[in-house]
Amino acid sequence: MTNKFTYLFLLSLVFQFLFVKAQDIMVLKSASLKTSDSILVYKPAVYNKELKYPVVYLLHGHSADYRSWSKLADLQQLANTYNFIVVCPDGLKKSWYMNSPNADSVQYEDFFMKELMPKIAGAYKTDPEKLFITGFSMGGFGAMYLFLNHPDVFLSAGSTSGVLNLRHSGFKKTTIADLLGSYTEYNKAFDEYSPVNRLESIKELKKTLIFDCGTEDYLYKANNQFRQKCDELKIKATYIAKPGGHTGAYWSKSIRAHFDFFYELANKS
């Protein structure tokens, strides 16, 4: 009898471990990145290959990696609750998720759109009509930048504490300058690549998006500019401003509103 209970106890521990760790790690060798990229993928614990699932791409911030979101939020629980596939690629610390004008530099946008997304669509049962993207800080920039460049691909996008105006970033003279050239008042690439100046591209598309920022965040002003531009162009956007700084503690709470927002859009029909 003792052996039977021991067996059942061990079996339950194994089941709990598998349930909590129901995730895949994918490594893609990329010509666009000139290196490999690691990706964490969470699918709902009850995953039915006969169904198609919405996908949320979660982008991390500067100097972080593909595991960063998993340290801030229970991504398996979010995948289970919302019935989403959650994808966390690695932004290579400082890629800014963009194609650099310098052809010899990282072409992250090409990697994301031409390599990563097709790979996810081929490996999992995804719904191409319900693709979402969001992220924090540099990842908030990347999410809005990719969404505004490819509004035909994504149903919606989000940003939490995002760098929505590159001229407000603390990295404008370092890692952004490495990609766009030296930071000066006259380097218009900093304006052309900033999401706040790219909203015109979705003005007529009836797209809706979500973004937030803590009132103590140094990027609060940039996020208010983004809100004002959305209002000016009559773009429907949910903007949340609440106490908080540019911290993981803030993002671990703020991301839930994005999943609520995407869930409502995914199930609107």
Foldseek 3Di string as FASTA:
>chain_A
DVVVVVVVVVVVVVVVVCLQPVKDWDWAQDPLQNGIKIKIKAAASPADQVDAAAEEEEEEAAQDFQCVVVVLASVNVLNNVLRHMYMRMTCPRQVLQDQFPPSVHHHNVCCVPVPVVVVCVVVGRHDQLQYEYEYEASRNLNRLLSCLVCVVRHLEYEYENYCQQLVLDPCNQPSVCVRQNGDDPPSCVSVVSRSLNSVVSCLPVQGEYEYEYEPAESCPVVVVSSVVSCVVSVHHYHYYYYHDYRDSNVVSPVVVVRSVVSSCVVPVD
